[in-house]
Amino acid sequence: MADNNNPKTLNDTGDAYFFGIGRAVNRELAYTYYKQAADLDNPVGFHNLGQYFAAKGDYKAAVLNYEKAKAYLHAPAFLALARLYETGVGVHKNKAKAFKMYLGAAKLADVEAYDAVGLCFKNGIGTKKDAEKAKEWFRKAADQNDATGCFQLGFLMTEDSAYKKDPEPAFGWLDRGATGGNVDAMRTLEEIYAAGKHPWLLKKSRQHLNEIAFYYRELLAKSGDVPSLRAVANDYREGSAVTKVNHEKAAFYYKMLLDRGDAVGKFGYGVALLYGQGVRMDHDEAMRLLKDAAQDRHPLAMTRLGDASRLGLGMPVDNEAAKRWYMDAARLQEPEAIMNLGLLNYRNLIEGASAQLAFNYMETAAKNGYAPAHYWLGIFYDKGVGVAKDFDAAEKHFNKAIEAGNLGAKYKYASMLFEELPDRKLKGKKHDLAWAACRDLFVAYVEDPAHNPANHAYAMYDLGLIHRLGRGTEASPRRARYWFESAAEAGLTKAMVEMYRLLKESEFSVAKDWLDRAAADPQNADALFEKGCLLLEGNAFVKADPKAGRALLDAAARLNHKEAIGKLMLL
């Protein structure tokens, strides 16, 4: 029970019921406590009664009680009356009277009133516009570490002539406002640094400016600004020029969005749960959130639901269900879903799949701006999938994929060049430049730590062949050995065979070791053939074993190895 003779206790209890602090909202019960405080001639009690009547729409009673509180020089009552007169809610609009009330509260050293008077001078509310007087009042608030005062003072400074030469004082006040929680200050600084147009900022690197802009954008996100939450969460999920991938932070910001009922939050947090990125994996909850986001017509949520069905994440693989989700997203022009429909057709994973549909979907995804689709179009044109083979078109799409940062496109483009250039009959400089491009693409792929291990080995093998055969460069056994050996050490058995062929005349022991390792692969026809020939004939280091040699040649012939077949015909 509240102490009936203690105004503070009565007002605090009334606030608890009025605002629902630790209990259900009950404004009528709040009124009884406020009334008891007011009956003790307490100004806070009168002010709270004014608040109660204003909430009910009884502005006559509200003004009466605010005036009673004002008589006790209660600053919040001055402010409440000022807002009513400024807006004309429940009273006749009178901006001059509003200004007088704001000034009255300011004379009582109320920091909120300092800001209000500053705004009156800034915008000409009830008084003449006066930027210098506005700054004086905002500085009073700023000196009390008031975030709004810091922002307003800093913002007015950006309009001074001195700002062009020296923006640091303005930036300093804006930063104090931003770190103090003023979202307008955060947004202003983010925009200033993102634009980077101030002469003082032109001296800074673009990377530095982006990092500072991101800092203020993240402050905005922490304040609950939805567009900033979306942007920052995505930056942490995907990584950006200013931040590395951080799934924990991405999940944190997506959860903030989710708590606000935002579809992007449902999607982002659902994906985090689906893959266990930054949070514990929970397929059931992930599916619930993604389906909620899909109902909100979030196309990427539909795409991820398709992925879950296609990959069997927390459920049996169901490519037909995946197709349905991708189709829903495709109807909203979501390009990744359109590309995935192309892949379902290309891989013949759904009923009625066709190469033509695969190509059509992939082309549509590319036209919709989805860069990974160019990688697949390069392959389709190279292999003639759903379209006539077209080297130039494949080259164009591989280059577009490479420009977009697709590492796999470098390998596929280089492989196409390696296979096609011998038949293109280029001469002179064009010939050498084409092969140099092929070589450089393979090297770039090999040196990138994000390469696929299997393709990495094949790329090194092809580089070995380029240097052994002298394609677009002088033949170099030394360089060929480097690449073949690197590929062989990566486990590629065909590279082991090349090491044998390269070294059998000069380093037979090393060559023989590589051949033995290669021949352990029963599907490597070249290795079986080479070892069969070696055992069939023997040499200074290996005793002939015709029976074992013939058995190896037979094994190679069963793999349709032409030289093995020819050799056996002569035996």
Protein backbone atom coordinates (compact mmCIF):
# COMPACT_ATOMS: atom_id res chain seq x y z
CA MET A 1 0.00 0.00 0.00
CA ALA A 2 1.19 3.53 -0.79
CA ASP A 3 1.96 5.91 2.09
CA ASN A 4 -1.02 8.31 1.91
CA ASN A 5 1.05 11.15 3.34
CA ASN A 6 4.10 10.76 1.09
CA PRO A 7 3.60 12.59 -2.25
CA LYS A 8 6.55 10.86 -3.93
CA THR A 9 5.27 7.40 -3.01
CA LEU A 10 1.77 8.34 -4.18
CA ASN A 11 3.04 9.69 -7.52
CA ASP A 12 5.34 6.70 -8.09
CA THR A 13 2.46 4.30 -7.43
CA GLY A 14 0.24 6.32 -9.74
CA ASP A 15 2.91 6.17 -12.48
CA ALA A 16 3.14 2.39 -12.06
CA TYR A 17 -0.58 2.09 -12.82
CA PHE A 18 -0.66 4.83 -15.47
CA PHE A 19 2.23 3.40 -17.51
CA GLY A 20 1.88 -0.27 -16.57
CA ILE A 21 5.21 -0.56 -14.74
CA GLY A 22 5.31 -3.99 -13.13
CA ARG A 23 1.54 -4.29 -13.28
CA ALA A 24 -1.40 -3.92 -15.64
CA VAL A 25 -2.30 -0.43 -16.83
CA ASN A 26 -5.14 1.02 -14.74
CA ARG A 27 -5.44 4.75 -15.31
CA GLU A 28 -8.45 5.20 -13.07
CA LEU A 29 -6.53 3.72 -10.17
CA ALA A 30 -3.56 5.91 -11.14
CA TYR A 31 -5.87 8.92 -10.89
CA THR A 32 -6.70 8.13 -7.26
CA TYR A 33 -3.02 8.20 -6.30
CA TYR A 34 -2.31 11.36 -8.29
CA LYS A 35 -5.34 13.01 -6.66
CA GLN A 36 -4.12 12.14 -3.19
CA ALA A 37 -0.72 13.68 -3.99
CA ALA A 38 -2.36 16.81 -5.43
CA ASP A 39 -4.57 17.12 -2.34
CA LEU A 40 -1.31 17.50 -0.43
CA ASP A 41 -0.56 20.54 -2.67
CA ASN A 42 2.18 18.58 -4.44
CA PRO A 43 3.12 20.11 -7.85
CA VAL A 44 4.06 16.73 -9.31
CA GLY A 45 0.62 15.48 -8.32
CA PHE A 46 -1.05 18.41 -10.10
CA HIS A 47 1.12 17.80 -13.18
CA ASN A 48 0.25 14.12 -13.20
CA LEU A 49 -3.46 14.93 -12.95
CA GLY A 50 -2.99 17.18 -15.97
CA GLN A 51 -1.37 14.25 -17.77
CA TYR A 52 -4.28 12.00 -16.80
CA PHE A 53 -6.93 14.43 -18.08
CA ALA A 54 -4.97 15.12 -21.30
CA ALA A 55 -4.89 11.37 -21.98
CA LYS A 56 -8.70 11.31 -21.55
CA GLY A 57 -9.11 14.28 -23.88
CA ASP A 58 -10.37 16.60 -21.14
CA TYR A 59 -8.01 19.45 -21.92
CA LYS A 60 -9.86 22.02 -19.83
CA ALA A 61 -9.16 19.96 -16.70
CA ALA A 62 -5.65 19.22 -17.95
CA VAL A 63 -4.79 22.92 -18.35
CA LEU A 64 -6.30 23.70 -14.94
CA ASN A 65 -4.03 21.16 -13.24
CA TYR A 66 -0.96 22.12 -15.28
CA GLU A 67 -1.53 25.75 -14.22
CA LYS A 68 -1.69 24.67 -10.58
CA ALA A 69 1.63 22.84 -10.96
CA LYS A 70 3.09 25.83 -12.83
CA ALA A 71 2.21 28.07 -9.88
CA TYR A 72 4.69 26.01 -7.89
CA LEU A 73 7.36 26.67 -10.61
CA HIS A 74 7.23 23.04 -11.71
CA ALA A 75 9.20 23.01 -15.00
CA PRO A 76 7.44 19.97 -16.59
CA ALA A 77 4.12 21.83 -16.21
CA PHE A 78 5.53 24.79 -18.17
CA LEU A 79 6.64 22.35 -20.88
CA ALA A 80 3.27 20.57 -21.00
CA LEU A 81 1.41 23.86 -21.38
CA ALA A 82 3.90 25.07 -23.99
CA ARG A 83 3.30 21.97 -26.13
CA LEU A 84 -0.47 22.45 -25.95
CA TYR A 85 -0.21 26.10 -27.03
CA GLU A 86 2.32 25.29 -29.75
CA THR A 87 0.19 22.55 -31.30
CA GLY A 88 -3.25 23.95 -30.49
CA VAL A 89 -4.39 20.66 -28.99
CA GLY A 90 -7.25 21.35 -26.57
CA VAL A 91 -6.49 25.08 -26.50
CA HIS A 92 -6.29 27.94 -28.98
CA LYS A 93 -2.94 27.75 -30.76
CA ASN A 94 -0.70 30.52 -29.48
CA LYS A 95 2.96 30.15 -30.43
CA ALA A 96 3.98 33.32 -28.61
CA LYS A 97 2.47 31.93 -25.41
CA ALA A 98 4.16 28.58 -26.10
CA PHE A 99 7.53 30.33 -26.40
CA LYS A 100 6.88 32.17 -23.14
CA MET A 101 6.14 28.87 -21.40
CA TYR A 102 9.27 27.22 -22.81
CA LEU A 103 11.31 30.19 -21.64
CA GLY A 104 9.74 29.94 -18.20
CA ALA A 105 10.83 26.30 -17.91
CA ALA A 106 14.30 27.18 -19.18
CA LYS A 107 14.68 29.81 -16.46
CA LEU A 108 14.13 26.97 -14.02
CA ALA A 109 17.27 25.30 -15.50
CA ASP A 110 15.32 22.54 -17.21
CA VAL A 111 17.58 20.96 -19.87
CA GLU A 112 14.66 19.83 -22.04
CA ALA A 113 13.46 23.44 -22.01
CA TYR A 114 16.88 24.65 -23.18
CA ASP A 115 16.40 22.52 -26.29
CA ALA A 116 12.83 23.73 -26.75
CA VAL A 117 13.85 27.41 -26.56
CA GLY A 118 16.70 26.70 -28.96
CA LEU A 119 14.25 25.18 -31.44
CA CYS A 120 11.98 28.21 -31.10
CA PHE A 121 14.85 30.51 -32.06
CA LYS A 122 16.00 28.12 -34.79
CA ASN A 123 12.58 27.77 -36.43
CA GLY A 124 10.94 31.06 -35.45
CA ILE A 125 8.30 29.59 -33.14
CA GLY A 126 6.70 32.42 -31.17
CA THR A 127 9.76 34.59 -31.70
CA LYS A 128 12.02 35.77 -34.51
CA LYS A 129 14.49 33.32 -36.02
CA ASP A 130 17.92 33.83 -34.54
CA ALA A 131 20.55 31.15 -35.21
CA GLU A 132 23.04 32.63 -32.74
CA LYS A 133 20.54 32.67 -29.88
CA ALA A 134 19.49 29.15 -30.85
CA LYS A 135 23.11 28.03 -30.55
CA GLU A 136 23.39 29.69 -27.13
CA TRP A 137 20.44 27.72 -25.80
CA PHE A 138 21.53 24.47 -27.43
CA ARG A 139 24.99 24.95 -25.92
CA LYS A 140 23.39 25.26 -22.46
CA ALA A 141 21.80 21.85 -23.05
CA ALA A 142 24.94 20.39 -24.63
CA ASP A 143 27.05 21.53 -21.67
CA GLN A 144 24.77 19.32 -19.56
CA ASN A 145 25.63 16.39 -21.90
CA ASP A 146 22.15 16.50 -23.40
CA ALA A 147 22.29 14.50 -26.65
CA THR A 148 19.61 16.59 -28.37
CA GLY A 149 21.41 19.81 -27.52
CA CYS A 150 24.69 18.37 -28.82
CA PHE A 151 23.03 17.38 -32.10
CA GLN A 152 21.26 20.69 -32.62
CA LEU A 153 24.39 22.70 -31.83
CA GLY A 154 26.52 20.58 -34.14
CA PHE A 155 23.94 20.71 -36.91
CA LEU A 156 23.69 24.51 -36.75
CA MET A 157 27.48 24.66 -36.94
CA THR A 158 27.37 22.75 -40.24
CA GLU A 159 25.47 25.74 -41.64
CA ASP A 160 28.15 28.26 -40.58
CA SER A 161 30.69 29.61 -43.04
CA ALA A 162 33.50 28.36 -40.78
CA TYR A 163 32.32 24.78 -41.30
CA LYS A 164 33.80 24.60 -44.79
CA LYS A 165 37.29 25.33 -43.48
CA ASP A 166 37.12 23.47 -40.19
CA PRO A 167 34.30 20.97 -39.65
CA GLU A 168 35.82 19.39 -36.53
CA PRO A 169 33.90 21.49 -33.95
CA ALA A 170 30.61 20.59 -35.65
CA PHE A 171 31.64 16.94 -35.97
CA GLY A 172 32.64 16.93 -32.30
CA TRP A 173 29.22 18.07 -31.09
CA LEU A 174 27.44 15.78 -33.52
CA ASP A 175 29.52 12.86 -32.28
CA ARG A 176 28.67 13.68 -28.66
CA GLY A 177 25.03 13.69 -29.66
CA ALA A 178 25.36 10.39 -31.51
CA THR A 179 27.20 8.60 -28.71
CA GLY A 180 24.65 10.06 -26.30
CA GLY A 181 21.86 8.31 -28.19
CA ASN A 182 20.47 11.00 -30.51
CA VAL A 183 19.44 9.22 -33.70
CA ASP A 184 19.39 12.42 -35.76
CA ALA A 185 23.07 12.96 -34.91
CA MET A 186 23.87 9.36 -35.85
CA ARG A 187 22.04 9.69 -39.15
CA THR A 188 23.61 13.06 -39.97
CA LEU A 189 27.15 11.79 -39.40
CA GLU A 190 26.48 8.59 -41.30
CA GLU A 191 25.26 10.61 -44.28
CA ILE A 192 28.18 13.07 -44.10
CA TYR A 193 30.83 10.33 -44.04
CA ALA A 194 29.07 8.15 -46.60
CA ALA A 195 28.90 11.08 -49.03
CA GLY A 196 32.45 12.19 -48.26
CA LYS A 197 31.94 15.47 -50.12
CA HIS A 198 33.29 17.91 -47.53
CA PRO A 199 36.73 19.24 -48.61
CA TRP A 200 38.18 18.12 -45.28
CA LEU A 201 36.92 14.57 -45.90
CA LEU A 202 38.28 14.45 -49.44
CA LYS A 203 41.73 14.10 -47.86
CA LYS A 204 40.66 10.83 -46.25
CA SER A 205 40.63 7.44 -47.96
CA ARG A 206 37.31 6.06 -49.16
CA GLN A 207 37.90 3.02 -46.94
CA HIS A 208 38.29 5.21 -43.86
CA LEU A 209 35.12 7.16 -44.66
CA ASN A 210 33.16 3.95 -45.20
CA GLU A 211 34.36 2.58 -41.86
CA ILE A 212 33.27 5.73 -40.00
CA ALA A 213 29.91 5.76 -41.82
CA PHE A 214 29.41 2.12 -40.80
CA TYR A 215 30.22 2.98 -37.18
CA TYR A 216 27.35 5.49 -37.06
CA ARG A 217 25.08 3.16 -39.03
CA GLU A 218 25.66 0.50 -36.39
CA LEU A 219 24.84 3.02 -33.65
CA LEU A 220 21.58 3.67 -35.49
CA ALA A 221 20.93 -0.06 -35.64
CA LYS A 222 21.50 -0.41 -31.90
CA SER A 223 18.99 2.39 -31.37
CA GLY A 224 16.37 0.28 -33.17
CA ASP A 225 16.31 2.07 -36.54
CA VAL A 226 14.83 -0.59 -38.84
CA PRO A 227 16.56 0.36 -42.15
CA SER A 228 19.92 0.47 -40.34
CA LEU A 229 19.23 -2.84 -38.59
CA ARG A 230 18.58 -4.44 -41.96
CA ALA A 231 21.72 -2.97 -43.53
CA VAL A 232 24.04 -3.81 -40.63
CA ALA A 233 22.67 -7.33 -40.19
CA ASN A 234 23.22 -7.99 -43.89
CA ASP A 235 26.76 -6.57 -43.77
CA TYR A 236 27.67 -8.94 -40.93
CA ARG A 237 25.99 -11.91 -42.64
CA GLU A 238 27.55 -11.38 -46.07
CA GLY A 239 30.67 -9.42 -45.14
CA SER A 240 31.47 -6.08 -46.74
CA ALA A 241 34.32 -3.71 -47.51
CA VAL A 242 34.28 -2.52 -43.90
CA THR A 243 33.41 -5.60 -41.89
CA LYS A 244 34.18 -9.30 -41.94
CA VAL A 245 31.49 -11.95 -41.81
CA ASN A 246 30.29 -12.23 -38.22
CA HIS A 247 27.36 -14.59 -37.85
CA GLU A 248 26.93 -13.87 -34.13
CA LYS A 249 26.47 -10.14 -34.72
CA ALA A 250 24.26 -10.78 -37.75
CA ALA A 251 22.01 -13.02 -35.66
CA PHE A 252 21.91 -10.39 -32.89
CA TYR A 253 20.66 -7.67 -35.25
CA TYR A 254 18.25 -9.99 -37.06
CA LYS A 255 16.81 -10.90 -33.64
CA MET A 256 16.24 -7.19 -32.96
CA LEU A 257 14.35 -6.98 -36.25
CA LEU A 258 12.43 -10.15 -35.43
CA ASP A 259 11.34 -8.68 -32.09
CA ARG A 260 9.85 -5.79 -34.09
CA GLY A 261 7.87 -8.19 -36.29
CA ASP A 262 9.95 -7.28 -39.33
CA ALA A 263 9.91 -9.74 -42.26
CA VAL A 264 13.65 -9.28 -42.83
CA GLY A 265 14.21 -10.25 -39.20
CA LYS A 266 12.11 -13.39 -39.62
CA PHE A 267 14.10 -14.25 -42.73
CA GLY A 268 17.56 -13.46 -41.35
CA TYR A 269 17.09 -15.12 -37.98
CA GLY A 270 15.40 -18.06 -39.67
CA VAL A 271 18.44 -18.55 -41.93
CA ALA A 272 20.74 -18.30 -38.89
CA LEU A 273 18.77 -21.08 -37.18
CA LEU A 274 18.62 -23.14 -40.38
CA TYR A 275 22.41 -23.29 -40.76
CA GLY A 276 23.44 -22.76 -37.13
CA GLN A 277 25.14 -19.47 -37.99
CA GLY A 278 25.75 -17.49 -34.82
CA VAL A 279 23.04 -19.38 -32.94
CA ARG A 280 22.28 -23.00 -32.13
CA MET A 281 20.79 -24.84 -35.11
CA ASP A 282 17.03 -25.33 -34.85
CA HIS A 283 15.41 -26.51 -38.09
CA ASP A 284 11.86 -26.50 -36.72
CA GLU A 285 12.00 -22.90 -35.53
CA ALA A 286 13.87 -21.92 -38.70
CA MET A 287 11.11 -23.33 -40.88
CA ARG A 288 8.45 -21.57 -38.81
CA LEU A 289 10.16 -18.20 -39.14
CA LEU A 290 10.93 -18.62 -42.83
CA LYS A 291 7.33 -19.60 -43.55
CA ASP A 292 6.15 -16.54 -41.62
CA ALA A 293 8.48 -14.38 -43.71
CA ALA A 294 7.24 -16.10 -46.88
CA GLN A 295 3.67 -15.22 -45.89
CA ASP A 296 4.91 -11.62 -45.68
CA ARG A 297 6.00 -12.10 -49.33
CA HIS A 298 9.71 -12.08 -48.55
CA PRO A 299 11.15 -13.70 -51.72
CA LEU A 300 14.49 -14.79 -50.24
CA ALA A 301 12.64 -16.59 -47.44
CA MET A 302 10.85 -18.60 -50.14
CA THR A 303 14.21 -19.31 -51.77
CA ARG A 304 15.71 -20.57 -48.51
CA LEU A 305 12.68 -22.80 -47.96
CA GLY A 306 13.38 -24.20 -51.42
CA ASP A 307 17.00 -24.76 -50.41
CA ALA A 308 15.91 -26.58 -47.26
CA SER A 309 13.75 -28.95 -49.33
CA ARG A 310 16.42 -29.43 -52.00
CA LEU A 311 19.24 -30.09 -49.52
CA GLY A 312 17.18 -31.99 -46.96
CA LEU A 313 17.87 -29.62 -44.07
CA GLY A 314 15.93 -31.08 -41.17
CA MET A 315 13.67 -32.97 -43.58
CA PRO A 316 13.88 -35.55 -46.38
CA VAL A 317 15.11 -34.23 -49.72
CA ASP A 318 12.12 -33.15 -51.82
CA ASN A 319 13.06 -31.50 -55.10
CA GLU A 320 9.44 -31.07 -56.16
CA ALA A 321 8.75 -29.09 -52.96
CA ALA A 322 11.90 -27.11 -53.66
CA LYS A 323 10.57 -26.33 -57.12
CA ARG A 324 7.30 -25.04 -55.66
CA TRP A 325 9.09 -22.69 -53.26
CA TYR A 326 11.42 -21.47 -56.00
CA MET A 327 8.44 -20.87 -58.27
CA ASP A 328 6.76 -18.75 -55.57
CA ALA A 329 9.92 -16.67 -55.24
CA ALA A 330 10.38 -16.49 -59.02
CA ARG A 331 6.90 -14.97 -59.35
CA LEU A 332 8.30 -12.12 -57.25
CA GLN A 333 11.26 -11.89 -59.66
CA GLU A 334 13.76 -13.26 -57.11
CA PRO A 335 16.78 -14.08 -59.33
CA GLU A 336 18.47 -16.67 -57.10
CA ALA A 337 15.29 -18.76 -57.10
CA ILE A 338 15.09 -18.42 -60.89
CA MET A 339 18.68 -19.64 -61.17
CA ASN A 340 17.92 -22.58 -58.87
CA LEU A 341 14.99 -23.56 -61.09
CA GLY A 342 17.50 -23.65 -63.92
CA LEU A 343 19.79 -25.93 -61.91
CA LEU A 344 16.94 -28.30 -60.99
CA ASN A 345 16.27 -28.68 -64.72
CA TYR A 346 19.97 -28.91 -65.66
CA ARG A 347 20.57 -31.67 -63.12
CA ASN A 348 17.35 -33.47 -64.11
CA LEU A 349 16.10 -33.46 -60.52
CA ILE A 350 12.43 -32.71 -61.19
CA GLU A 351 9.64 -34.08 -63.32
CA GLY A 352 9.62 -32.61 -66.82
CA ALA A 353 13.18 -31.29 -66.55
CA SER A 354 14.74 -30.07 -69.78
CA ALA A 355 17.95 -28.45 -70.95
CA GLN A 356 15.93 -25.77 -72.71
CA LEU A 357 14.17 -24.79 -69.48
CA ALA A 358 17.51 -24.83 -67.68
CA PHE A 359 18.92 -22.34 -70.17
CA ASN A 360 15.79 -20.15 -70.17
CA TYR A 361 15.70 -19.85 -66.38
CA MET A 362 19.43 -19.15 -66.21
CA GLU A 363 19.19 -16.45 -68.87
CA THR A 364 16.29 -14.82 -67.01
CA ALA A 365 18.23 -14.84 -63.73
CA ALA A 366 21.19 -13.19 -65.45
CA LYS A 367 18.96 -10.54 -67.03
CA ASN A 368 17.54 -9.85 -63.56
CA GLY A 369 21.04 -8.95 -62.39
CA TYR A 370 22.04 -12.16 -60.59
CA ALA A 371 25.78 -12.46 -61.27
CA PRO A 372 26.19 -16.20 -60.41
CA ALA A 373 23.85 -17.02 -63.31
CA HIS A 374 26.53 -15.76 -65.72
CA TYR A 375 28.82 -18.54 -64.47
CA TRP A 376 26.25 -21.16 -65.45
CA LEU A 377 25.49 -19.48 -68.78
CA GLY A 378 29.20 -19.68 -69.53
CA ILE A 379 29.04 -23.43 -68.92
CA PHE A 380 25.82 -23.82 -70.90
CA TYR A 381 27.22 -22.02 -73.95
CA ASP A 382 30.50 -23.93 -73.64
CA LYS A 383 28.79 -27.33 -73.44
CA GLY A 384 25.72 -26.56 -75.57
CA VAL A 385 23.16 -27.02 -72.78
CA GLY A 386 19.77 -25.83 -74.05
CA VAL A 387 21.48 -23.63 -76.61
CA ALA A 388 23.94 -24.06 -79.49
CA LYS A 389 27.60 -24.13 -78.44
CA ASP A 390 29.02 -20.62 -78.70
CA PHE A 391 32.60 -19.93 -77.60
CA ASP A 392 32.22 -16.14 -77.78
CA ALA A 393 28.99 -16.13 -75.74
CA ALA A 394 30.53 -18.45 -73.14
CA GLU A 395 33.56 -16.16 -72.95
CA LYS A 396 31.32 -13.12 -72.42
CA HIS A 397 29.40 -14.72 -69.56
CA PHE A 398 32.49 -16.13 -67.86
CA ASN A 399 34.03 -12.65 -67.92
CA LYS A 400 30.88 -11.14 -66.39
CA ALA A 401 30.98 -13.74 -63.63
CA ILE A 402 34.67 -13.04 -63.01
CA GLU A 403 34.00 -9.30 -62.82
CA ALA A 404 31.42 -10.06 -60.14
CA GLY A 405 34.02 -11.97 -58.11
CA ASN A 406 33.10 -15.54 -59.06
CA LEU A 407 36.27 -17.57 -58.52
CA GLY A 408 34.91 -20.74 -60.13
CA ALA A 409 34.39 -18.83 -63.37
CA LYS A 410 38.15 -18.31 -63.63
CA TYR A 411 38.69 -22.06 -63.56
CA LYS A 412 35.87 -22.86 -65.99
CA TYR A 413 36.92 -20.13 -68.42
CA ALA A 414 40.56 -21.25 -68.30
CA SER A 415 39.49 -24.87 -68.83
CA MET A 416 37.39 -23.86 -71.84
CA LEU A 417 40.34 -21.97 -73.32
CA PHE A 418 42.63 -24.95 -72.68
CA GLU A 419 40.26 -27.30 -74.51
CA GLU A 420 39.17 -25.00 -77.34
CA LEU A 421 42.27 -23.00 -78.26
CA PRO A 422 44.05 -25.86 -80.09
CA ASP A 423 41.10 -26.01 -82.53
CA ARG A 424 40.69 -22.27 -83.02
CA LYS A 425 43.81 -21.99 -85.17
CA LEU A 426 44.94 -18.65 -83.82
CA LYS A 427 48.31 -17.41 -85.01
CA GLY A 428 51.08 -15.15 -83.85
CA LYS A 429 50.34 -12.60 -81.16
CA LYS A 430 46.65 -13.57 -80.86
CA HIS A 431 47.69 -17.17 -80.23
CA ASP A 432 50.20 -16.21 -77.54
CA LEU A 433 47.84 -13.74 -75.84
CA ALA A 434 45.02 -16.28 -75.70
CA TRP A 435 47.25 -18.88 -74.10
CA ALA A 436 48.69 -16.28 -71.73
CA ALA A 437 45.13 -15.46 -70.63
CA CYS A 438 44.46 -19.16 -70.06
CA ARG A 439 47.65 -19.52 -68.04
CA ASP A 440 46.98 -16.40 -65.96
CA LEU A 441 43.45 -17.53 -65.14
CA PHE A 442 44.68 -20.91 -63.92
CA VAL A 443 47.39 -19.26 -61.81
CA ALA A 444 44.92 -16.77 -60.30
CA TYR A 445 42.61 -19.65 -59.42
CA VAL A 446 45.39 -21.74 -57.89
CA GLU A 447 46.68 -18.85 -55.78
CA ASP A 448 43.28 -17.94 -54.37
CA PRO A 449 42.83 -19.66 -50.96
CA ALA A 450 39.09 -20.05 -51.63
CA HIS A 451 39.66 -22.49 -54.52
CA ASN A 452 37.92 -25.86 -54.72
CA PRO A 453 40.52 -28.54 -53.82
CA ALA A 454 39.66 -30.86 -56.73
CA ASN A 455 39.66 -28.09 -59.33
CA HIS A 456 42.83 -26.72 -57.74
CA ALA A 457 44.68 -29.94 -58.57
CA TYR A 458 43.35 -30.04 -62.14
CA ALA A 459 44.32 -26.40 -62.68
CA MET A 460 47.90 -27.17 -61.63
CA TYR A 461 47.92 -30.22 -63.91
CA ASP A 462 46.80 -28.14 -66.89
CA LEU A 463 49.48 -25.56 -66.08
CA GLY A 464 51.99 -28.40 -66.19
CA LEU A 465 50.76 -29.38 -69.66
CA ILE A 466 50.91 -25.77 -70.88
CA HIS A 467 54.58 -25.54 -69.90
CA ARG A 468 55.47 -29.05 -71.10
CA LEU A 469 53.86 -28.49 -74.50
CA GLY A 470 54.91 -24.84 -74.85
CA ARG A 471 51.40 -23.45 -75.35
CA GLY A 472 51.82 -19.69 -75.87
CA THR A 473 55.22 -19.81 -74.22
CA GLU A 474 58.52 -21.67 -74.56
CA ALA A 475 58.39 -25.25 -73.36
CA SER A 476 59.90 -25.52 -69.89
CA PRO A 477 60.43 -28.94 -68.28
CA ARG A 478 61.38 -27.20 -65.05
CA ARG A 479 58.10 -25.27 -64.81
CA ALA A 480 56.15 -28.28 -66.01
CA ARG A 481 57.69 -30.35 -63.23
CA TYR A 482 56.74 -27.71 -60.63
CA TRP A 483 53.07 -27.77 -61.60
CA PHE A 484 52.83 -31.53 -62.17
CA GLU A 485 54.50 -32.19 -58.83
CA SER A 486 52.17 -29.74 -57.06
CA ALA A 487 49.14 -31.46 -58.61
CA ALA A 488 50.54 -34.91 -57.78
CA GLU A 489 51.13 -33.93 -54.17
CA ALA A 490 47.51 -32.79 -54.08
CA GLY A 491 46.56 -36.40 -54.93
CA LEU A 492 45.82 -36.15 -58.67
CA THR A 493 46.93 -39.49 -60.11
CA LYS A 494 47.12 -38.30 -63.73
CA ALA A 495 49.71 -35.75 -62.57
CA MET A 496 51.65 -38.61 -60.97
CA VAL A 497 51.80 -40.29 -64.39
CA GLU A 498 53.19 -37.08 -65.90
CA MET A 499 55.83 -36.99 -63.17
CA TYR A 500 56.85 -40.52 -64.16
CA ARG A 501 57.10 -39.61 -67.82
CA LEU A 502 59.04 -36.45 -67.04
CA LEU A 503 61.58 -38.06 -64.70
CA LYS A 504 61.97 -41.68 -65.83
CA GLU A 505 65.14 -40.94 -67.83
CA SER A 506 66.83 -38.75 -65.22
CA GLU A 507 65.45 -39.67 -61.77
CA PHE A 508 64.05 -43.15 -62.19
CA SER A 509 63.63 -43.91 -58.49
CA VAL A 510 61.48 -40.81 -57.95
CA ALA A 511 59.63 -41.48 -61.20
CA LYS A 512 58.91 -45.08 -60.18
CA ASP A 513 57.50 -43.98 -56.81
CA TRP A 514 55.05 -41.66 -58.55
CA LEU A 515 54.06 -44.39 -61.03
CA ASP A 516 53.40 -46.91 -58.26
CA ARG A 517 51.15 -44.41 -56.47
CA ALA A 518 49.27 -43.65 -59.67
CA ALA A 519 48.81 -47.32 -60.59
CA ALA A 520 47.19 -47.96 -57.22
CA ASP A 521 44.17 -46.24 -58.77
CA PRO A 522 42.40 -49.01 -60.76
CA GLN A 523 40.66 -46.38 -62.93
CA ASN A 524 43.83 -44.64 -64.10
CA ALA A 525 44.34 -46.25 -67.50
CA ASP A 526 47.51 -44.25 -68.28
CA ALA A 527 49.17 -45.40 -65.06
CA LEU A 528 48.19 -49.03 -65.67
CA PHE A 529 49.52 -48.81 -69.23
CA GLU A 530 52.85 -47.24 -68.24
CA LYS A 531 53.47 -49.71 -65.41
CA GLY A 532 52.37 -52.61 -67.61
CA CYS A 533 54.93 -51.60 -70.27
CA LEU A 534 57.61 -51.22 -67.61
CA LEU A 535 57.01 -54.69 -66.16
CA LEU A 536 56.56 -56.26 -69.58
CA GLU A 537 59.98 -55.15 -70.75
CA GLY A 538 61.89 -54.35 -67.55
CA ASN A 539 64.95 -52.10 -67.42
CA ALA A 540 68.16 -51.64 -65.48
CA PHE A 541 66.24 -50.95 -62.29
CA VAL A 542 63.17 -53.15 -62.63
CA LYS A 543 63.14 -56.87 -63.36
CA ALA A 544 60.78 -57.86 -66.18
CA ASP A 545 57.57 -59.60 -65.15
CA PRO A 546 55.64 -60.30 -68.40
CA LYS A 547 52.69 -61.89 -66.62
CA ALA A 548 52.15 -58.97 -64.27
CA GLY A 549 52.83 -56.53 -67.09
CA ARG A 550 50.23 -58.15 -69.36
CA ALA A 551 47.68 -58.14 -66.53
CA LEU A 552 48.12 -54.39 -66.14
CA LEU A 553 47.82 -53.85 -69.90
CA ASP A 554 44.63 -55.92 -69.89
CA ALA A 555 43.26 -53.72 -67.11
CA ALA A 556 44.12 -50.58 -69.09
CA ALA A 557 42.53 -52.03 -72.24
CA ARG A 558 39.31 -52.73 -70.36
CA LEU A 559 39.25 -49.00 -69.67
CA ASN A 560 39.45 -48.47 -73.46
CA HIS A 561 43.06 -47.27 -73.41
CA LYS A 562 43.95 -47.25 -77.12
CA GLU A 563 47.71 -47.68 -76.69
CA ALA A 564 47.17 -50.62 -74.34
CA ILE A 565 44.82 -52.23 -76.86
CA GLY A 566 47.40 -51.72 -79.64
CA LYS A 567 50.21 -53.10 -77.49
CA LEU A 568 48.25 -56.23 -76.63
CA MET A 569 47.49 -56.86 -80.29
CA LEU A 570 51.25 -57.06 -80.97
CA LEU A 571 51.96 -59.52 -78.18
